[in-house]
């Protein structure tokens, strides 16, 4: 059974809160990105039809913390 959006939001908030601790614990920013992406994948797997929505939220977390750049607009 897929997880509710409220539960997903709570899990994503916990993930967001971990970023600074991961920065302190990891050897490189790349390791932080990999850790966040892996944890985000775990959340997305349980999301069912909301998988893409979760993946977008994980990308937003990475961008907000300056770990990845925003995609450039096409056109």
PDB file of N, CA and C in Angstrom:
ATOM      1  N   UNK A   1       0.847  -1.190   0.000  1.00  0.00           N
ATOM      2  CA  UNK A   1       0.000   0.000   0.000  1.00  0.00           C
ATOM      3  C   UNK A   1       0.886   1.245   0.000  1.00  0.00           C
ATOM      4  N   UNK A   2       0.658   2.167  -0.922  1.00  0.00           N
ATOM      5  CA  UNK A   2       1.471   3.384  -0.977  1.00  0.00           C
ATOM      6  C   UNK A   2       1.312   4.233   0.286  1.00  0.00           C
ATOM      7  N   UNK A   3       2.334   4.988   0.557  1.00  0.00           N
ATOM      8  CA  UNK A   3       2.371   5.879   1.713  1.00  0.00           C
ATOM      9  C   UNK A   3       1.608   7.157   1.360  1.00  0.00           C
ATOM     10  N   UNK A   4       0.933   7.761   2.349  1.00  0.00           N
ATOM     11  CA  UNK A   4       0.185   8.990   2.099  1.00  0.00           C
ATOM     12  C   UNK A   4       1.137  10.161   1.847  1.00  0.00           C
ATOM     13  N   UNK A   5       0.633  11.199   1.203  1.00  0.00           N
ATOM     14  CA  UNK A   5       1.442  12.400   0.946  1.00  0.00           C
ATOM     15  C   UNK A   5       1.911  13.023   2.250  1.00  0.00           C
ATOM     16  N   UNK A   6       1.061  13.003   3.285  1.00  0.00           N
ATOM     17  CA  UNK A   6       1.476  13.557   4.580  1.00  0.00           C
ATOM     18  C   UNK A   6       2.673  12.793   5.137  1.00  0.00           C
ATOM     19  N   UNK A   7       2.632  11.469   5.042  1.00  0.00           N
ATOM     20  CA  UNK A   7       3.760  10.657   5.498  1.00  0.00           C
ATOM     21  C   UNK A   7       4.999  10.908   4.641  1.00  0.00           C
ATOM     22  N   UNK A   8       4.792  11.036   3.339  1.00  0.00           N
ATOM     23  CA  UNK A   8       5.918  11.329   2.447  1.00  0.00           C
ATOM     24  C   UNK A   8       6.535  12.677   2.777  1.00  0.00           C
ATOM     25  N   UNK A   9       5.691  13.671   3.028  1.00  0.00           N
ATOM     26  CA  UNK A   9       6.204  15.001   3.393  1.00  0.00           C
ATOM     27  C   UNK A   9       7.007  14.945   4.680  1.00  0.00           C
ATOM     28  N   UNK A  10       6.554  14.155   5.644  1.00  0.00           N
ATOM     29  CA  UNK A  10       7.285  14.010   6.902  1.00  0.00           C
ATOM     30  C   UNK A  10       8.644  13.346   6.664  1.00  0.00           C
ATOM     31  N   UNK A  11       8.666  12.308   5.834  1.00  0.00           N
ATOM     32  CA  UNK A  11       9.927  11.638   5.520  1.00  0.00           C
ATOM     33  C   UNK A  11      10.873  12.567   4.769  1.00  0.00           C
ATOM     34  N   UNK A  12      10.332  13.348   3.863  1.00  0.00           N
ATOM     35  CA  UNK A  12      11.162  14.299   3.110  1.00  0.00           C
ATOM     36  C   UNK A  12      11.691  15.399   4.013  1.00  0.00           C
ATOM     37  N   UNK A  13      10.901  15.843   4.986  1.00  0.00           N
ATOM     38  CA  UNK A  13      11.372  16.851   5.951  1.00  0.00           C
ATOM     39  C   UNK A  13      12.516  16.280   6.780  1.00  0.00           C
ATOM     40  N   UNK A  14      12.397  15.016   7.184  1.00  0.00           N
ATOM     41  CA  UNK A  14      13.483  14.370   7.926  1.00  0.00           C
ATOM     42  C   UNK A  14      14.738  14.285   7.067  1.00  0.00           C
ATOM     43  N   UNK A  15      14.567  13.959   5.801  1.00  0.00           N
ATOM     44  CA  UNK A  15      15.695  13.888   4.878  1.00  0.00           C
ATOM     45  C   UNK A  15      16.356  15.253   4.732  1.00  0.00           C
ATOM     46  N   UNK A  16      15.551  16.284   4.573  1.00  0.00           N
ATOM     47  CA  UNK A  16      16.061  17.649   4.459  1.00  0.00           C
ATOM     48  C   UNK A  16      16.868  18.024   5.701  1.00  0.00           C
ATOM     49  N   UNK A  17      16.375  17.629   6.864  1.00  0.00           N
ATOM     50  CA  UNK A  17      17.052  17.963   8.123  1.00  0.00           C
ATOM     51  C   UNK A  17      18.393  17.232   8.272  1.00  0.00           C
ATOM     52  N   UNK A  18      18.576  16.131   7.567  1.00  0.00           N
ATOM     53  CA  UNK A  18      19.818  15.362   7.656  1.00  0.00           C
ATOM     54  C   UNK A  18      20.968  15.948   6.849  1.00  0.00           C
ATOM     55  N   UNK A  19      20.676  16.835   5.925  1.00  0.00           N
ATOM     56  CA  UNK A  19      21.696  17.301   4.981  1.00  0.00           C
ATOM     57  C   UNK A  19      22.921  17.869   5.693  1.00  0.00           C
ATOM     58  N   UNK A  20      22.733  18.734   6.647  1.00  0.00           N
ATOM     59  CA  UNK A  20      23.893  19.359   7.308  1.00  0.00           C
ATOM     60  C   UNK A  20      24.707  18.344   8.097  1.00  0.00           C
ATOM     61  N   UNK A  21      24.041  17.378   8.729  1.00  0.00           N
ATOM     62  CA  UNK A  21      24.775  16.321   9.431  1.00  0.00           C
ATOM     63  C   UNK A  21      25.581  15.488   8.449  1.00  0.00           C
ATOM     64  N   UNK A  22      24.986  15.190   7.298  1.00  0.00           N
ATOM     65  CA  UNK A  22      25.709  14.439   6.275  1.00  0.00           C
ATOM     66  C   UNK A  22      26.907  15.223   5.757  1.00  0.00           C
ATOM     67  N   UNK A  23      26.739  16.523   5.617  1.00  0.00           N
ATOM     68  CA  UNK A  23      27.877  17.351   5.168  1.00  0.00           C
ATOM     69  C   UNK A  23      29.034  17.236   6.150  1.00  0.00           C
ATOM     70  N   UNK A  24      28.722  17.191   7.440  1.00  0.00           N
ATOM     71  CA  UNK A  24      29.767  17.082   8.458  1.00  0.00           C
ATOM     72  C   UNK A  24      30.409  15.691   8.463  1.00  0.00           C
ATOM     73  N   UNK A  25      29.631  14.671   8.132  1.00  0.00           N
ATOM     74  CA  UNK A  25      30.101  13.291   8.215  1.00  0.00           C
ATOM     75  C   UNK A  25      30.749  12.770   6.943  1.00  0.00           C
ATOM     76  N   UNK A  26      30.381  13.305   5.801  1.00  0.00           N
ATOM     77  CA  UNK A  26      30.872  12.783   4.521  1.00  0.00           C
ATOM     78  C   UNK A  26      32.163  13.471   4.101  1.00  0.00           C
ATOM     79  N   UNK A  27      32.944  12.762   3.306  1.00  0.00           N
ATOM     80  CA  UNK A  27      34.226  13.284   2.844  1.00  0.00           C
ATOM     81  C   UNK A  27      34.092  14.324   1.743  1.00  0.00           C
ATOM     82  N   UNK A  28      33.001  14.247   0.961  1.00  0.00           N
ATOM     83  CA  UNK A  28      32.847  15.187  -0.148  1.00  0.00           C
ATOM     84  C   UNK A  28      31.368  15.509  -0.368  1.00  0.00           C
ATOM     85  N   UNK A  29      31.137  16.580  -1.097  1.00  0.00           N
ATOM     86  CA  UNK A  29      29.765  16.957  -1.442  1.00  0.00           C
ATOM     87  C   UNK A  29      29.124  15.867  -2.303  1.00  0.00           C
ATOM     88  N   UNK A  30      29.920  15.228  -3.140  1.00  0.00           N
ATOM     89  CA  UNK A  30      29.410  14.138  -3.964  1.00  0.00           C
ATOM     90  C   UNK A  30      28.874  12.992  -3.114  1.00  0.00           C
ATOM     91  N   UNK A  31      29.564  12.711  -2.009  1.00  0.00           N
ATOM     92  CA  UNK A  31      29.091  11.667  -1.099  1.00  0.00           C
ATOM     93  C   UNK A  31      27.764  12.066  -0.462  1.00  0.00           C
ATOM     94  N   UNK A  32      27.605  13.361  -0.160  1.00  0.00           N
ATOM     95  CA  UNK A  32      26.345  13.851   0.410  1.00  0.00           C
ATOM     96  C   UNK A  32      25.220  13.672  -0.601  1.00  0.00           C
ATOM     97  N   UNK A  33      25.479  14.057  -1.847  1.00  0.00           N
ATOM     98  CA  UNK A  33      24.470  13.912  -2.902  1.00  0.00           C
ATOM     99  C   UNK A  33      24.071  12.449  -3.048  1.00  0.00           C
ATOM    100  N   UNK A  34      25.057  11.566  -3.071  1.00  0.00           N
ATOM    101  CA  UNK A  34      24.762  10.138  -3.206  1.00  0.00           C
ATOM    102  C   UNK A  34      23.927   9.636  -2.036  1.00  0.00           C
ATOM    103  N   UNK A  35      24.248  10.053  -0.820  1.00  0.00           N
ATOM    104  CA  UNK A  35      23.513   9.610   0.362  1.00  0.00           C
ATOM    105  C   UNK A  35      22.074  10.105   0.323  1.00  0.00           C
ATOM    106  N   UNK A  36      21.894  11.386  -0.011  1.00  0.00           N
ATOM    107  CA  UNK A  36      20.541  11.952  -0.081  1.00  0.00           C
ATOM    108  C   UNK A  36      19.744  11.267  -1.191  1.00  0.00           C
ATOM    109  N   UNK A  37      20.377  11.064  -2.337  1.00  0.00           N
ATOM    110  CA  UNK A  37      19.695  10.406  -3.460  1.00  0.00           C
ATOM    111  C   UNK A  37      19.286   8.978  -3.093  1.00  0.00           C
ATOM    112  N   UNK A  38      20.150   8.253  -2.407  1.00  0.00           N
ATOM    113  CA  UNK A  38      19.835   6.879  -2.016  1.00  0.00           C
ATOM    114  C   UNK A  38      18.666   6.847  -1.030  1.00  0.00           C
ATOM    115  N   UNK A  39      18.694   7.744  -0.053  1.00  0.00           N
ATOM    116  CA  UNK A  39      17.590   7.797   0.907  1.00  0.00           C
ATOM    117  C   UNK A  39      16.302   8.253   0.219  1.00  0.00           C
ATOM    118  N   UNK A  40      16.431   9.189  -0.716  1.00  0.00           N
ATOM    119  CA  UNK A  40      15.270   9.630  -1.483  1.00  0.00           C
ATOM    120  C   UNK A  40      14.688   8.505  -2.320  1.00  0.00           C
ATOM    121  N   UNK A  41      15.550   7.663  -2.875  1.00  0.00           N
ATOM    122  CA  UNK A  41      15.075   6.508  -3.642  1.00  0.00           C
ATOM    123  C   UNK A  41      14.260   5.561  -2.765  1.00  0.00           C
ATOM    124  N   UNK A  42      14.724   5.378  -1.527  1.00  0.00           N
ATOM    125  CA  UNK A  42      13.981   4.519  -0.601  1.00  0.00           C
ATOM    126  C   UNK A  42      12.582   5.074  -0.335  1.00  0.00           C
ATOM    127  N   UNK A  43      12.511   6.390  -0.154  1.00  0.00           N
ATOM    128  CA  UNK A  43      11.209   7.025   0.066  1.00  0.00           C
ATOM    129  C   UNK A  43      10.349   6.882  -1.189  1.00  0.00           C
ATOM    130  N   UNK A  44      10.946   7.114  -2.349  1.00  0.00           N
ATOM    131  CA  UNK A  44      10.207   7.042  -3.614  1.00  0.00           C
ATOM    132  C   UNK A  44       9.671   5.640  -3.889  1.00  0.00           C
ATOM    133  N   UNK A  45      10.419   4.630  -3.504  1.00  0.00           N
ATOM    134  CA  UNK A  45       9.966   3.254  -3.728  1.00  0.00           C
ATOM    135  C   UNK A  45       8.659   2.962  -3.007  1.00  0.00           C
ATOM    136  N   UNK A  46       8.479   3.565  -1.842  1.00  0.00           N
ATOM    137  CA  UNK A  46       7.256   3.340  -1.065  1.00  0.00           C
ATOM    138  C   UNK A  46       6.120   4.265  -1.483  1.00  0.00           C
ATOM    139  N   UNK A  47       6.397   5.200  -2.394  1.00  0.00           N
ATOM    140  CA  UNK A  47       5.429   6.246  -2.729  1.00  0.00           C
ATOM    141  C   UNK A  47       4.380   5.824  -3.746  1.00  0.00           C
ATOM    142  N   UNK A  48       4.579   4.706  -4.388  1.00  0.00           N
ATOM    143  CA  UNK A  48       3.601   4.269  -5.390  1.00  0.00           C
ATOM    144  C   UNK A  48       3.484   5.282  -6.520  1.00  0.00           C
ATOM    145  N   UNK A  49       2.264   5.728  -6.782  1.00  0.00           N
ATOM    146  CA  UNK A  49       1.999   6.656  -7.882  1.00  0.00           C
ATOM    147  C   UNK A  49       2.650   8.024  -7.666  1.00  0.00           C
ATOM    148  N   UNK A  50       3.045   8.325  -6.438  1.00  0.00           N
ATOM    149  CA  UNK A  50       3.692   9.609  -6.135  1.00  0.00           C
ATOM    150  C   UNK A  50       5.207   9.556  -6.276  1.00  0.00           C
ATOM    151  N   UNK A  51       5.727   8.492  -6.877  1.00  0.00           N
ATOM    152  CA  UNK A  51       7.177   8.334  -6.998  1.00  0.00           C
ATOM    153  C   UNK A  51       7.842   9.546  -7.663  1.00  0.00           C
ATOM    154  N   UNK A  52       7.332   9.981  -8.790  1.00  0.00           N
ATOM    155  CA  UNK A  52       7.930  11.127  -9.490  1.00  0.00           C
ATOM    156  C   UNK A  52       7.833  12.388  -8.648  1.00  0.00           C
ATOM    157  N   UNK A  53       6.729  12.536  -7.943  1.00  0.00           N
ATOM    158  CA  UNK A  53       6.564  13.693  -7.067  1.00  0.00           C
ATOM    159  C   UNK A  53       7.639  13.688  -5.987  1.00  0.00           C
ATOM    160  N   UNK A  54       7.915  12.535  -5.396  1.00  0.00           N
ATOM    161  CA  UNK A  54       8.963  12.417  -4.377  1.00  0.00           C
ATOM    162  C   UNK A  54      10.327  12.722  -4.991  1.00  0.00           C
ATOM    163  N   UNK A  55      10.594  12.180  -6.164  1.00  0.00           N
ATOM    164  CA  UNK A  55      11.878  12.429  -6.815  1.00  0.00           C
ATOM    165  C   UNK A  55      12.080  13.920  -7.075  1.00  0.00           C
ATOM    166  N   UNK A  56      11.028  14.625  -7.440  1.00  0.00           N
ATOM    167  CA  UNK A  56      11.116  16.077  -7.638  1.00  0.00           C
ATOM    168  C   UNK A  56      11.415  16.790  -6.324  1.00  0.00           C
ATOM    169  N   UNK A  57      10.806  16.332  -5.227  1.00  0.00           N
ATOM    170  CA  UNK A  57      11.045  16.956  -3.921  1.00  0.00           C
ATOM    171  C   UNK A  57      12.481  16.723  -3.468  1.00  0.00           C
ATOM    172  N   UNK A  58      13.026  15.537  -3.731  1.00  0.00           N
ATOM    173  CA  UNK A  58      14.419  15.244  -3.376  1.00  0.00           C
ATOM    174  C   UNK A  58      15.355  16.155  -4.177  1.00  0.00           C
ATOM    175  N   UNK A  59      15.046  16.348  -5.453  1.00  0.00           N
ATOM    176  CA  UNK A  59      15.843  17.257  -6.281  1.00  0.00           C
ATOM    177  C   UNK A  59      15.792  18.679  -5.712  1.00  0.00           C
ATOM    178  N   UNK A  60      14.616  19.100  -5.257  1.00  0.00           N
ATOM    179  CA  UNK A  60      14.483  20.423  -4.642  1.00  0.00           C
ATOM    180  C   UNK A  60      15.331  20.544  -3.382  1.00  0.00           C
ATOM    181  N   UNK A  61      15.372  19.491  -2.579  1.00  0.00           N
ATOM    182  CA  UNK A  61      16.209  19.499  -1.371  1.00  0.00           C
ATOM    183  C   UNK A  61      17.668  19.686  -1.763  1.00  0.00           C
ATOM    184  N   UNK A  62      18.125  18.929  -2.748  1.00  0.00           N
ATOM    185  CA  UNK A  62      19.512  19.042  -3.194  1.00  0.00           C
ATOM    186  C   UNK A  62      19.818  20.442  -3.725  1.00  0.00           C
ATOM    187  N   UNK A  63      18.901  21.017  -4.482  1.00  0.00           N
ATOM    188  CA  UNK A  63      19.104  22.373  -5.014  1.00  0.00           C
ATOM    189  C   UNK A  63      19.107  23.407  -3.890  1.00  0.00           C
ATOM    190  N   UNK A  64      18.178  23.280  -2.955  1.00  0.00           N
ATOM    191  CA  UNK A  64      18.063  24.245  -1.865  1.00  0.00           C
ATOM    192  C   UNK A  64      19.340  24.289  -1.024  1.00  0.00           C
ATOM    193  N   UNK A  65      20.000  23.166  -0.901  1.00  0.00           N
ATOM    194  CA  UNK A  65      21.238  23.099  -0.116  1.00  0.00           C
ATOM    195  C   UNK A  65      22.485  23.331  -0.967  1.00  0.00           C
ATOM    196  N   UNK A  66      22.282  23.695  -2.224  1.00  0.00           N
ATOM    197  CA  UNK A  66      23.400  24.015  -3.103  1.00  0.00           C
ATOM    198  C   UNK A  66      24.228  22.813  -3.520  1.00  0.00           C
ATOM    199  N   UNK A  67      23.628  21.640  -3.463  1.00  0.00           N
ATOM    200  CA  UNK A  67      24.356  20.426  -3.816  1.00  0.00           C
ATOM    201  C   UNK A  67      24.264  20.108  -5.298  1.00  0.00           C
ATOM    202  N   UNK A  68      23.230  20.583  -5.953  1.00  0.00           N
ATOM    203  CA  UNK A  68      23.113  20.478  -7.412  1.00  0.00           C
ATOM    204  C   UNK A  68      22.583  21.804  -7.918  1.00  0.00           C
ATOM    205  N   UNK A  69      22.829  22.064  -9.190  1.00  0.00           N
ATOM    206  CA  UNK A  69      22.323  23.284  -9.819  1.00  0.00           C
ATOM    207  C   UNK A  69      20.919  23.047 -10.359  1.00  0.00           C
ATOM    208  N   UNK A  70      20.167  24.119 -10.416  1.00  0.00           N
ATOM    209  CA  UNK A  70      18.833  24.040 -11.029  1.00  0.00           C
ATOM    210  C   UNK A  70      19.015  23.752 -12.510  1.00  0.00           C
ATOM    211  N   UNK A  71      18.122  22.942 -13.076  1.00  0.00           N
ATOM    212  CA  UNK A  71      18.219  22.685 -14.514  1.00  0.00           C
ATOM    213  C   UNK A  71      17.995  23.972 -15.306  1.00  0.00           C
ATOM    214  N   UNK A  72      18.748  24.093 -16.396  1.00  0.00           N
ATOM    215  CA  UNK A  72      18.592  25.274 -17.234  1.00  0.00           C
ATOM    216  C   UNK A  72      17.329  25.158 -18.051  1.00  0.00           C
ATOM    217  N   UNK A  73      16.659  26.275 -18.229  1.00  0.00           N
ATOM    218  CA  UNK A  73      15.428  26.292 -19.020  1.00  0.00           C
ATOM    219  C   UNK A  73      15.772  26.066 -20.488  1.00  0.00           C
ATOM    220  N   UNK A  74      14.924  25.292 -21.148  1.00  0.00           N
ATOM    221  CA  UNK A  74      15.123  25.050 -22.578  1.00  0.00           C
ATOM    222  C   UNK A  74      14.487  26.151 -23.386  1.00  0.00           C
ATOM    223  N   UNK A  75      15.025  26.380 -24.552  1.00  0.00           N
ATOM    224  CA  UNK A  75      14.373  27.320 -25.455  1.00  0.00           C
ATOM    225  C   UNK A  75      15.203  28.461 -25.716  1.00  0.00           C
TER     226      UNK A  75
END
